[in-house]
Amino acid sequence: MLTAVIEPPGLVEADTSEPISERALVRAAMSGDVAAFEAIYRQHVGRVRGVILRLVGGHGSRADDLTQEAFVRAWQALPGFRFEAALSTWLHRLAVTTALMEMRRGRARPQDGGGDDGLWLVGVPDSAGDGTALTMDLERTVASLPPRARAVLVLYDIEGWTHEEIASELGMAIGSSKAQLHRARGLLRQRLGGSS
């Protein structure tokens, strides 16, 4: 026998891609629960730092500062969060905005090759152990790109943004976004020794 369970209105959460536990954490943090916000931070800090690091060009210590800045902004803006998007999407967008604001201030310069900040994304080695070295070379090369070309490449190829979104966020024409992407890819091929 098949039985349906009908919940009274108000007792069912809206259908979202977020787990209920995250919704509960967000609601608690919105009410000022610092422990709930710390849990949100621990869950999302890796992805937030990763996108910031790629956008500012491998400056590890600066990326750490910007990651903290992004989470301070998240704490301040959290009462206005409306669950219209997943929390991860909202935090990701906030991280990108924080990094782009830094780039506009002219502080995020291509990596100079000094120090160990270039070791910011280490891949899983393949059977020959070459994956890690290849990933590090790629990350260093991306970090060395001119800031606008790097931003377009990261947002389009890694983060999945459209040229329209990139153009709007970076204050450029759609054609300029496409040209910067072409430039970035060409520089990557040239610097990594590719022939195509």
N, C-alpha and C. Protein backbone atom coordinates (compact mmCIF):
# COMPACT_ATOMS: atom_id res chain seq x y z
N MET A 1 0.84 -1.19 0.00
CA MET A 1 0.00 0.00 0.00
C MET A 1 0.88 1.24 0.00
N LEU A 2 0.58 2.20 -0.84
CA LEU A 2 1.34 3.43 -0.98
C LEU A 2 0.64 4.52 -0.21
N THR A 3 1.37 5.20 0.64
CA THR A 3 0.78 6.26 1.46
C THR A 3 1.53 7.56 1.22
N ALA A 4 0.83 8.63 1.08
CA ALA A 4 1.46 9.94 0.90
C ALA A 4 1.46 10.67 2.24
N VAL A 5 2.54 11.37 2.49
CA VAL A 5 2.63 12.19 3.69
C VAL A 5 2.52 13.63 3.26
N ILE A 6 1.59 14.34 3.83
CA ILE A 6 1.39 15.74 3.49
C ILE A 6 1.79 16.57 4.70
N GLU A 7 2.74 17.46 4.48
CA GLU A 7 3.20 18.35 5.54
C GLU A 7 2.36 19.62 5.53
N PRO A 8 2.00 20.13 6.68
CA PRO A 8 1.28 21.40 6.72
C PRO A 8 2.14 22.52 6.16
N PRO A 9 1.52 23.53 5.54
CA PRO A 9 2.29 24.65 5.00
C PRO A 9 3.17 25.27 6.09
N GLY A 10 4.35 25.71 5.69
CA GLY A 10 5.26 26.35 6.64
C GLY A 10 6.24 25.38 7.28
N LEU A 11 5.97 24.08 7.23
CA LEU A 11 6.87 23.13 7.84
C LEU A 11 7.86 22.54 6.84
N VAL A 12 7.64 22.79 5.57
CA VAL A 12 8.51 22.25 4.53
C VAL A 12 9.42 23.36 4.02
N GLU A 13 10.71 23.10 4.01
CA GLU A 13 11.66 24.06 3.45
C GLU A 13 11.47 24.10 1.94
N ALA A 14 11.74 25.24 1.34
CA ALA A 14 11.68 25.34 -0.11
C ALA A 14 12.71 24.39 -0.71
N ASP A 15 12.39 23.86 -1.88
CA ASP A 15 13.29 22.94 -2.55
C ASP A 15 14.51 23.70 -3.05
N THR A 16 15.68 23.42 -2.49
CA THR A 16 16.92 24.07 -2.92
C THR A 16 17.98 23.01 -3.06
N SER A 17 19.08 23.42 -3.66
CA SER A 17 20.20 22.49 -3.80
C SER A 17 21.05 22.47 -2.54
N GLU A 18 20.76 23.35 -1.60
CA GLU A 18 21.52 23.39 -0.36
C GLU A 18 21.00 22.36 0.63
N PRO A 19 21.88 21.71 1.34
CA PRO A 19 21.42 20.81 2.39
C PRO A 19 20.77 21.61 3.52
N ILE A 20 19.79 21.01 4.17
CA ILE A 20 19.09 21.67 5.27
C ILE A 20 20.09 22.10 6.34
N SER A 21 21.11 21.29 6.62
CA SER A 21 22.07 21.64 7.65
C SER A 21 22.78 22.96 7.31
N GLU A 22 23.07 23.20 6.05
CA GLU A 22 23.69 24.47 5.68
C GLU A 22 22.70 25.61 5.85
N ARG A 23 21.45 25.38 5.50
CA ARG A 23 20.44 26.42 5.70
C ARG A 23 20.33 26.78 7.18
N ALA A 24 20.38 25.76 8.02
CA ALA A 24 20.31 26.01 9.46
C ALA A 24 21.53 26.80 9.93
N LEU A 25 22.70 26.46 9.42
CA LEU A 25 23.91 27.21 9.77
C LEU A 25 23.79 28.66 9.32
N VAL A 26 23.31 28.87 8.12
CA VAL A 26 23.18 30.23 7.60
C VAL A 26 22.19 31.01 8.45
N ARG A 27 21.06 30.41 8.76
CA ARG A 27 20.07 31.11 9.59
C ARG A 27 20.66 31.45 10.96
N ALA A 28 21.41 30.53 11.55
CA ALA A 28 22.03 30.79 12.85
C ALA A 28 23.05 31.93 12.73
N ALA A 29 23.86 31.89 11.68
CA ALA A 29 24.86 32.94 11.47
C ALA A 29 24.18 34.29 11.22
N MET A 30 23.07 34.27 10.51
CA MET A 30 22.32 35.50 10.26
C MET A 30 21.84 36.13 11.57
N SER A 31 21.63 35.29 12.56
CA SER A 31 21.18 35.75 13.88
C SER A 31 22.35 36.14 14.77
N GLY A 32 23.57 36.07 14.24
CA GLY A 32 24.74 36.48 15.01
C GLY A 32 25.51 35.35 15.66
N ASP A 33 25.19 34.10 15.34
CA ASP A 33 25.89 32.96 15.92
C ASP A 33 27.27 32.82 15.27
N VAL A 34 28.30 33.20 16.02
CA VAL A 34 29.67 33.18 15.50
C VAL A 34 30.13 31.75 15.21
N ALA A 35 29.76 30.80 16.04
CA ALA A 35 30.16 29.40 15.82
C ALA A 35 29.58 28.88 14.50
N ALA A 36 28.36 29.26 14.17
CA ALA A 36 27.76 28.85 12.90
C ALA A 36 28.53 29.46 11.73
N PHE A 37 28.92 30.73 11.87
CA PHE A 37 29.67 31.36 10.80
C PHE A 37 31.05 30.72 10.66
N GLU A 38 31.66 30.34 11.77
CA GLU A 38 32.95 29.65 11.71
C GLU A 38 32.82 28.32 10.96
N ALA A 39 31.71 27.63 11.15
CA ALA A 39 31.48 26.38 10.43
C ALA A 39 31.33 26.65 8.93
N ILE A 40 30.63 27.71 8.58
CA ILE A 40 30.48 28.10 7.18
C ILE A 40 31.87 28.44 6.60
N TYR A 41 32.64 29.17 7.37
CA TYR A 41 34.00 29.54 6.94
C TYR A 41 34.83 28.29 6.65
N ARG A 42 34.85 27.37 7.58
CA ARG A 42 35.65 26.14 7.40
C ARG A 42 35.20 25.36 6.16
N GLN A 43 33.91 25.36 5.91
CA GLN A 43 33.38 24.61 4.77
C GLN A 43 33.74 25.25 3.43
N HIS A 44 33.87 26.57 3.39
CA HIS A 44 34.01 27.26 2.10
C HIS A 44 35.34 27.97 1.89
N VAL A 45 36.20 28.03 2.90
CA VAL A 45 37.43 28.82 2.79
C VAL A 45 38.34 28.33 1.66
N GLY A 46 38.42 27.05 1.42
CA GLY A 46 39.30 26.53 0.37
C GLY A 46 38.93 27.04 -1.01
N ARG A 47 37.66 26.97 -1.33
CA ARG A 47 37.21 27.42 -2.65
C ARG A 47 37.34 28.93 -2.80
N VAL A 48 36.98 29.66 -1.74
CA VAL A 48 37.09 31.12 -1.77
C VAL A 48 38.55 31.54 -1.97
N ARG A 49 39.45 30.95 -1.19
CA ARG A 49 40.87 31.30 -1.32
C ARG A 49 41.40 30.90 -2.70
N GLY A 50 40.96 29.77 -3.21
CA GLY A 50 41.42 29.31 -4.51
C GLY A 50 41.11 30.28 -5.63
N VAL A 51 39.87 30.77 -5.67
CA VAL A 51 39.51 31.69 -6.75
C VAL A 51 40.23 33.02 -6.57
N ILE A 52 40.36 33.48 -5.35
CA ILE A 52 41.08 34.74 -5.11
C ILE A 52 42.54 34.58 -5.52
N LEU A 53 43.14 33.48 -5.15
CA LEU A 53 44.55 33.22 -5.47
C LEU A 53 44.78 33.22 -6.98
N ARG A 54 43.89 32.57 -7.72
CA ARG A 54 44.04 32.55 -9.18
C ARG A 54 43.88 33.94 -9.77
N LEU A 55 42.95 34.72 -9.23
CA LEU A 55 42.71 36.04 -9.80
C LEU A 55 43.82 37.03 -9.48
N VAL A 56 44.40 36.97 -8.29
CA VAL A 56 45.46 37.94 -7.94
C VAL A 56 46.83 37.46 -8.37
N GLY A 57 46.93 36.30 -8.97
CA GLY A 57 48.16 35.88 -9.60
C GLY A 57 49.15 35.16 -8.72
N GLY A 58 48.70 34.40 -7.77
CA GLY A 58 49.61 33.57 -7.01
C GLY A 58 50.27 34.24 -5.83
N HIS A 59 49.80 35.41 -5.44
CA HIS A 59 50.34 36.09 -4.27
C HIS A 59 49.68 35.49 -3.03
N GLY A 60 50.30 34.45 -2.47
CA GLY A 60 49.69 33.69 -1.38
C GLY A 60 49.33 34.51 -0.17
N SER A 61 50.23 35.35 0.31
CA SER A 61 49.93 36.12 1.51
C SER A 61 48.85 37.16 1.23
N ARG A 62 48.86 37.75 0.05
CA ARG A 62 47.81 38.72 -0.30
C ARG A 62 46.48 38.00 -0.46
N ALA A 63 46.50 36.81 -1.02
CA ALA A 63 45.27 36.03 -1.17
C ALA A 63 44.69 35.69 0.20
N ASP A 64 45.56 35.39 1.17
CA ASP A 64 45.08 35.12 2.53
C ASP A 64 44.36 36.34 3.10
N ASP A 65 44.97 37.52 2.91
CA ASP A 65 44.34 38.76 3.40
C ASP A 65 43.00 39.00 2.72
N LEU A 66 42.96 38.79 1.40
CA LEU A 66 41.72 39.01 0.66
C LEU A 66 40.66 37.98 1.01
N THR A 67 41.08 36.77 1.32
CA THR A 67 40.13 35.74 1.76
C THR A 67 39.47 36.18 3.06
N GLN A 68 40.28 36.68 3.98
CA GLN A 68 39.73 37.18 5.24
C GLN A 68 38.79 38.36 4.98
N GLU A 69 39.20 39.25 4.08
CA GLU A 69 38.36 40.40 3.73
C GLU A 69 37.02 39.93 3.15
N ALA A 70 37.07 38.93 2.29
CA ALA A 70 35.84 38.40 1.69
C ALA A 70 34.91 37.84 2.76
N PHE A 71 35.47 37.14 3.74
CA PHE A 71 34.62 36.57 4.79
C PHE A 71 34.12 37.64 5.76
N VAL A 72 34.88 38.71 5.97
CA VAL A 72 34.37 39.83 6.77
C VAL A 72 33.18 40.45 6.04
N ARG A 73 33.31 40.64 4.74
CA ARG A 73 32.19 41.17 3.94
C ARG A 73 30.99 40.22 3.98
N ALA A 74 31.28 38.93 3.94
CA ALA A 74 30.18 37.95 4.00
C ALA A 74 29.45 38.06 5.33
N TRP A 75 30.19 38.17 6.43
CA TRP A 75 29.58 38.31 7.75
C TRP A 75 28.70 39.57 7.80
N GLN A 76 29.20 40.66 7.23
CA GLN A 76 28.45 41.91 7.24
C GLN A 76 27.22 41.85 6.34
N ALA A 77 27.32 41.14 5.23
CA ALA A 77 26.22 41.09 4.27
C ALA A 77 25.26 39.93 4.52
N LEU A 78 25.63 39.01 5.37
CA LEU A 78 24.83 37.80 5.58
C LEU A 78 23.38 38.08 5.98
N PRO A 79 23.09 39.09 6.79
CA PRO A 79 21.68 39.34 7.11
C PRO A 79 20.80 39.61 5.88
N GLY A 80 21.42 40.05 4.78
CA GLY A 80 20.66 40.29 3.56
C GLY A 80 20.59 39.09 2.62
N PHE A 81 21.23 37.98 2.99
CA PHE A 81 21.21 36.78 2.15
C PHE A 81 19.79 36.24 2.10
N ARG A 82 19.28 35.97 0.88
CA ARG A 82 17.87 35.60 0.71
C ARG A 82 17.64 34.17 0.24
N PHE A 83 18.66 33.36 0.17
CA PHE A 83 18.54 31.97 -0.27
C PHE A 83 18.05 31.87 -1.72
N GLU A 84 18.25 32.92 -2.52
CA GLU A 84 17.87 32.86 -3.93
C GLU A 84 18.90 32.06 -4.73
N ALA A 85 20.09 31.96 -4.19
CA ALA A 85 21.16 31.15 -4.79
C ALA A 85 21.78 30.34 -3.67
N ALA A 86 22.56 29.36 -4.04
CA ALA A 86 23.26 28.57 -3.04
C ALA A 86 24.26 29.47 -2.31
N LEU A 87 24.48 29.20 -1.04
CA LEU A 87 25.45 29.97 -0.27
C LEU A 87 26.82 29.93 -0.94
N SER A 88 27.21 28.78 -1.46
CA SER A 88 28.52 28.66 -2.11
C SER A 88 28.62 29.60 -3.31
N THR A 89 27.54 29.74 -4.07
CA THR A 89 27.51 30.65 -5.22
C THR A 89 27.65 32.09 -4.76
N TRP A 90 26.93 32.44 -3.71
CA TRP A 90 26.97 33.79 -3.16
C TRP A 90 28.38 34.12 -2.64
N LEU A 91 28.98 33.19 -1.90
CA LEU A 91 30.33 33.41 -1.37
C LEU A 91 31.36 33.49 -2.50
N HIS A 92 31.18 32.66 -3.50
CA HIS A 92 32.09 32.65 -4.65
C HIS A 92 32.05 34.00 -5.36
N ARG A 93 30.85 34.50 -5.58
CA ARG A 93 30.70 35.80 -6.25
C ARG A 93 31.33 36.91 -5.41
N LEU A 94 31.14 36.83 -4.10
CA LEU A 94 31.72 37.81 -3.20
C LEU A 94 33.25 37.75 -3.26
N ALA A 95 33.80 36.55 -3.33
CA ALA A 95 35.26 36.37 -3.42
C ALA A 95 35.80 36.96 -4.72
N VAL A 96 35.11 36.69 -5.82
CA VAL A 96 35.53 37.24 -7.11
C VAL A 96 35.49 38.76 -7.07
N THR A 97 34.43 39.32 -6.53
CA THR A 97 34.30 40.77 -6.43
C THR A 97 35.42 41.36 -5.58
N THR A 98 35.74 40.72 -4.47
CA THR A 98 36.82 41.18 -3.60
C THR A 98 38.15 41.18 -4.35
N ALA A 99 38.44 40.11 -5.07
CA ALA A 99 39.70 40.02 -5.83
C ALA A 99 39.74 41.05 -6.95
N LEU A 100 38.62 41.23 -7.65
CA LEU A 100 38.60 42.20 -8.75
C LEU A 100 38.76 43.62 -8.24
N MET A 101 38.18 43.93 -7.09
CA MET A 101 38.36 45.25 -6.49
C MET A 101 39.84 45.48 -6.17
N GLU A 102 40.50 44.46 -5.68
CA GLU A 102 41.93 44.54 -5.39
C GLU A 102 42.72 44.79 -6.68
N MET A 103 42.34 44.09 -7.73
CA MET A 103 43.04 44.27 -9.01
C MET A 103 42.83 45.68 -9.54
N ARG A 104 41.64 46.23 -9.37
CA ARG A 104 41.37 47.59 -9.83
C ARG A 104 42.21 48.61 -9.07
N ARG A 105 42.49 48.32 -7.81
CA ARG A 105 43.33 49.22 -7.01
C ARG A 105 44.79 49.11 -7.43
N GLY A 106 45.09 48.15 -8.30
CA GLY A 106 46.43 48.02 -8.84
C GLY A 106 47.41 47.29 -7.96
N ARG A 107 46.93 46.55 -6.97
CA ARG A 107 47.83 45.86 -6.06
C ARG A 107 48.17 44.45 -6.52
N ALA A 108 47.33 43.85 -7.33
CA ALA A 108 47.56 42.46 -7.74
C ALA A 108 48.36 42.45 -9.03
N ARG A 109 49.63 42.26 -8.91
CA ARG A 109 50.54 42.25 -10.05
C ARG A 109 50.93 40.83 -10.39
N PRO A 110 51.35 40.60 -11.63
CA PRO A 110 51.82 39.27 -11.97
C PRO A 110 52.98 38.87 -11.06
N GLN A 111 53.06 37.61 -10.83
CA GLN A 111 54.08 37.05 -9.95
C GLN A 111 55.46 37.30 -10.51
N ASP A 112 56.42 37.61 -9.65
CA ASP A 112 57.78 37.88 -10.11
C ASP A 112 58.67 36.65 -10.09
N GLY A 113 58.14 35.53 -9.64
CA GLY A 113 58.91 34.30 -9.63
C GLY A 113 59.65 34.08 -8.33
N GLY A 114 59.69 35.07 -7.45
CA GLY A 114 60.40 34.91 -6.19
C GLY A 114 59.51 34.28 -5.14
N GLY A 115 60.12 33.71 -4.13
CA GLY A 115 59.37 33.14 -3.02
C GLY A 115 58.67 31.86 -3.40
N ASP A 116 57.90 31.33 -2.47
CA ASP A 116 57.21 30.07 -2.74
C ASP A 116 55.72 30.26 -2.91
N ASP A 117 55.26 31.51 -3.09
CA ASP A 117 53.83 31.73 -3.26
C ASP A 117 53.31 31.12 -4.55
N GLY A 118 54.17 30.75 -5.48
CA GLY A 118 53.73 30.14 -6.71
C GLY A 118 53.26 28.71 -6.53
N LEU A 119 53.47 28.14 -5.37
CA LEU A 119 53.08 26.75 -5.13
C LEU A 119 51.67 26.70 -4.56
N TRP A 120 50.74 27.33 -5.24
CA TRP A 120 49.42 27.50 -4.65
C TRP A 120 48.41 26.48 -5.08
N LEU A 121 48.64 25.74 -6.10
CA LEU A 121 47.72 24.67 -6.46
C LEU A 121 48.55 23.48 -6.90
N VAL A 122 48.51 22.45 -6.15
CA VAL A 122 49.30 21.27 -6.47
C VAL A 122 48.37 20.19 -6.95
N GLY A 123 48.63 19.66 -8.14
CA GLY A 123 47.76 18.65 -8.71
C GLY A 123 48.10 17.26 -8.22
N VAL A 124 47.28 16.33 -8.61
CA VAL A 124 47.51 14.93 -8.28
C VAL A 124 48.44 14.35 -9.33
N PRO A 125 49.55 13.78 -8.92
CA PRO A 125 50.48 13.26 -9.92
C PRO A 125 49.89 12.09 -10.70
N ASP A 126 50.26 12.02 -11.97
CA ASP A 126 49.84 10.87 -12.76
C ASP A 126 50.75 9.69 -12.44
N SER A 127 50.62 8.60 -13.18
CA SER A 127 51.39 7.41 -12.86
C SER A 127 52.90 7.64 -12.96
N ALA A 128 53.31 8.62 -13.76
CA ALA A 128 54.73 8.93 -13.88
C ALA A 128 55.16 10.02 -12.90
N GLY A 129 54.21 10.55 -12.13
CA GLY A 129 54.52 11.60 -11.16
C GLY A 129 54.62 12.98 -11.78
N ASP A 130 54.14 13.15 -13.03
CA ASP A 130 54.29 14.42 -13.72
C ASP A 130 53.16 15.41 -13.47
N GLY A 131 52.06 14.97 -12.92
CA GLY A 131 50.90 15.85 -12.75
C GLY A 131 51.18 17.04 -11.87
N THR A 132 51.89 16.86 -10.79
CA THR A 132 52.17 17.95 -9.87
C THR A 132 53.03 19.01 -10.53
N ALA A 133 54.10 18.61 -11.18
CA ALA A 133 54.98 19.58 -11.84
C ALA A 133 54.24 20.32 -12.94
N LEU A 134 53.44 19.62 -13.72
CA LEU A 134 52.68 20.25 -14.79
C LEU A 134 51.69 21.26 -14.23
N THR A 135 51.00 20.90 -13.17
CA THR A 135 50.03 21.81 -12.57
C THR A 135 50.73 23.04 -12.02
N MET A 136 51.86 22.84 -11.37
CA MET A 136 52.60 23.98 -10.83
C MET A 136 53.09 24.89 -11.95
N ASP A 137 53.56 24.33 -13.05
CA ASP A 137 53.98 25.13 -14.20
C ASP A 137 52.81 25.93 -14.75
N LEU A 138 51.67 25.28 -14.90
CA LEU A 138 50.48 25.95 -15.42
C LEU A 138 50.05 27.07 -14.49
N GLU A 139 50.00 26.81 -13.20
CA GLU A 139 49.58 27.82 -12.24
C GLU A 139 50.54 29.01 -12.23
N ARG A 140 51.83 28.75 -12.29
CA ARG A 140 52.81 29.84 -12.33
C ARG A 140 52.64 30.65 -13.62
N THR A 141 52.39 29.96 -14.71
CA THR A 141 52.23 30.65 -15.99
C THR A 141 50.97 31.50 -15.98
N VAL A 142 49.88 30.97 -15.46
CA VAL A 142 48.64 31.76 -15.34
C VAL A 142 48.91 32.98 -14.46
N ALA A 143 49.62 32.79 -13.36
CA ALA A 143 49.92 33.89 -12.44
C ALA A 143 50.76 34.98 -13.10
N SER A 144 51.55 34.62 -14.11
CA SER A 144 52.43 35.59 -14.76
C SER A 144 51.73 36.38 -15.87
N LEU A 145 50.51 36.03 -16.20
CA LEU A 145 49.78 36.75 -17.24
C LEU A 145 49.47 38.17 -16.80
N PRO A 146 49.29 39.09 -17.76
CA PRO A 146 48.84 40.43 -17.40
C PRO A 146 47.51 40.34 -16.64
N PRO A 147 47.31 41.21 -15.65
CA PRO A 147 46.14 41.07 -14.77
C PRO A 147 44.79 40.93 -15.46
N ARG A 148 44.49 41.75 -16.46
CA ARG A 148 43.17 41.66 -17.10
C ARG A 148 43.02 40.38 -17.91
N ALA A 149 44.07 40.01 -18.61
CA ALA A 149 44.03 38.76 -19.37
C ALA A 149 43.87 37.58 -18.41
N ARG A 150 44.59 37.61 -17.30
CA ARG A 150 44.49 36.55 -16.29
C ARG A 150 43.07 36.49 -15.72
N ALA A 151 42.50 37.65 -15.41
CA ALA A 151 41.15 37.68 -14.84
C ALA A 151 40.14 37.07 -15.80
N VAL A 152 40.21 37.45 -17.08
CA VAL A 152 39.28 36.91 -18.07
C VAL A 152 39.47 35.40 -18.21
N LEU A 153 40.72 34.96 -18.30
CA LEU A 153 41.00 33.53 -18.43
C LEU A 153 40.44 32.75 -17.24
N VAL A 154 40.71 33.22 -16.04
CA VAL A 154 40.25 32.52 -14.84
C VAL A 154 38.72 32.51 -14.79
N LEU A 155 38.11 33.67 -15.03
CA LEU A 155 36.65 33.73 -14.94
C LEU A 155 35.97 32.90 -16.02
N TYR A 156 36.51 32.90 -17.23
CA TYR A 156 35.87 32.18 -18.33
C TYR A 156 36.20 30.69 -18.31
N ASP A 157 37.48 30.36 -18.31
CA ASP A 157 37.89 28.96 -18.45
C ASP A 157 37.81 28.16 -17.16
N ILE A 158 38.03 28.80 -16.03
CA ILE A 158 38.04 28.06 -14.77
C ILE A 158 36.73 28.20 -14.02
N GLU A 159 36.21 29.43 -13.96
CA GLU A 159 35.00 29.67 -13.17
C GLU A 159 33.71 29.54 -13.96
N GLY A 160 33.81 29.48 -15.29
CA GLY A 160 32.62 29.23 -16.11
C GLY A 160 31.73 30.42 -16.36
N TRP A 161 32.25 31.63 -16.22
CA TRP A 161 31.45 32.82 -16.49
C TRP A 161 31.29 32.99 -17.99
N THR A 162 30.28 33.74 -18.40
CA THR A 162 30.09 34.09 -19.81
C THR A 162 30.86 35.38 -20.09
N HIS A 163 31.07 35.67 -21.37
CA HIS A 163 31.74 36.92 -21.73
C HIS A 163 30.89 38.12 -21.30
N GLU A 164 29.58 37.97 -21.33
CA GLU A 164 28.70 39.06 -20.90
C GLU A 164 28.90 39.36 -19.42
N GLU A 165 28.98 38.32 -18.60
CA GLU A 165 29.20 38.50 -17.16
C GLU A 165 30.57 39.13 -16.89
N ILE A 166 31.57 38.64 -17.59
CA ILE A 166 32.93 39.16 -17.41
C ILE A 166 32.99 40.63 -17.82
N ALA A 167 32.41 40.94 -18.98
CA ALA A 167 32.42 42.32 -19.46
C ALA A 167 31.74 43.25 -18.46
N SER A 168 30.63 42.82 -17.93
CA SER A 168 29.91 43.63 -16.95
C SER A 168 30.73 43.83 -15.68
N GLU A 169 31.31 42.77 -15.17
CA GLU A 169 32.06 42.84 -13.91
C GLU A 169 33.37 43.62 -14.06
N LEU A 170 34.04 43.47 -15.20
CA LEU A 170 35.33 44.13 -15.39
C LEU A 170 35.21 45.49 -16.08
N GLY A 171 34.00 45.86 -16.47
CA GLY A 171 33.79 47.16 -17.10
C GLY A 171 34.45 47.26 -18.47
N MET A 172 34.26 46.23 -19.28
CA MET A 172 34.83 46.21 -20.63
C MET A 172 33.76 45.74 -21.61
N ALA A 173 34.03 45.93 -22.88
CA ALA A 173 33.12 45.44 -23.91
C ALA A 173 33.24 43.92 -24.01
N ILE A 174 32.19 43.29 -24.50
CA ILE A 174 32.20 41.84 -24.68
C ILE A 174 33.32 41.43 -25.63
N GLY A 175 33.51 42.20 -26.68
CA GLY A 175 34.60 41.93 -27.62
C GLY A 175 35.97 42.01 -26.95
N SER A 176 36.11 42.93 -26.01
CA SER A 176 37.38 43.05 -25.27
C SER A 176 37.61 41.83 -24.40
N SER A 177 36.54 41.31 -23.81
CA SER A 177 36.66 40.09 -23.01
C SER A 177 37.14 38.93 -23.89
N LYS A 178 36.54 38.82 -25.06
CA LYS A 178 36.94 37.75 -25.98
C LYS A 178 38.40 37.93 -26.43
N ALA A 179 38.78 39.18 -26.70
CA ALA A 179 40.16 39.45 -27.12
C ALA A 179 41.15 39.14 -26.00
N GLN A 180 40.81 39.50 -24.77
CA GLN A 180 41.69 39.21 -23.63
C GLN A 180 41.83 37.71 -23.42
N LEU A 181 40.73 36.97 -23.62
CA LEU A 181 40.80 35.52 -23.48
C LEU A 181 41.72 34.93 -24.55
N HIS A 182 41.57 35.40 -25.78
CA HIS A 182 42.43 34.94 -26.88
C HIS A 182 43.89 35.26 -26.56
N ARG A 183 44.14 36.46 -26.07
CA ARG A 183 45.50 36.87 -25.71
C ARG A 183 46.06 35.97 -24.60
N ALA A 184 45.27 35.74 -23.56
CA ALA A 184 45.72 34.92 -22.43
C ALA A 184 46.05 33.50 -22.89
N ARG A 185 45.17 32.92 -23.70
CA ARG A 185 45.42 31.56 -24.18
C ARG A 185 46.67 31.50 -25.05
N GLY A 186 46.86 32.51 -25.90
CA GLY A 186 48.06 32.56 -26.74
C GLY A 186 49.33 32.67 -25.91
N LEU A 187 49.29 33.52 -24.89
CA LEU A 187 50.46 33.65 -24.00
C LEU A 187 50.73 32.35 -23.25
N LEU A 188 49.68 31.68 -22.83
CA LEU A 188 49.86 30.39 -22.15
C LEU A 188 50.53 29.38 -23.07
N ARG A 189 50.03 29.28 -24.31
CA ARG A 189 50.63 28.35 -25.27
C ARG A 189 52.09 28.68 -25.51
N GLN A 190 52.37 29.97 -25.70
CA GLN A 190 53.74 30.41 -25.96
C GLN A 190 54.65 30.10 -24.77
N ARG A 191 54.21 30.44 -23.57
CA ARG A 191 55.05 30.28 -22.38
C ARG A 191 55.20 28.83 -21.94
N LEU A 192 54.21 28.01 -22.27
CA LEU A 192 54.30 26.60 -21.92
C LEU A 192 54.92 25.77 -23.04
N GLY A 193 55.26 26.44 -24.16
CA GLY A 193 55.95 25.74 -25.24
C GLY A 193 55.05 24.97 -26.17
N GLY A 194 53.74 25.30 -26.19
CA GLY A 194 52.82 24.60 -27.09
C GLY A 194 52.94 25.12 -28.50
N SER A 195 52.68 24.26 -29.46
CA SER A 195 52.81 24.65 -30.86
C SER A 195 51.49 25.03 -31.49
N SER A 196 50.35 24.67 -30.86
CA SER A 196 49.08 24.96 -31.53
C SER A 196 48.46 26.23 -31.04
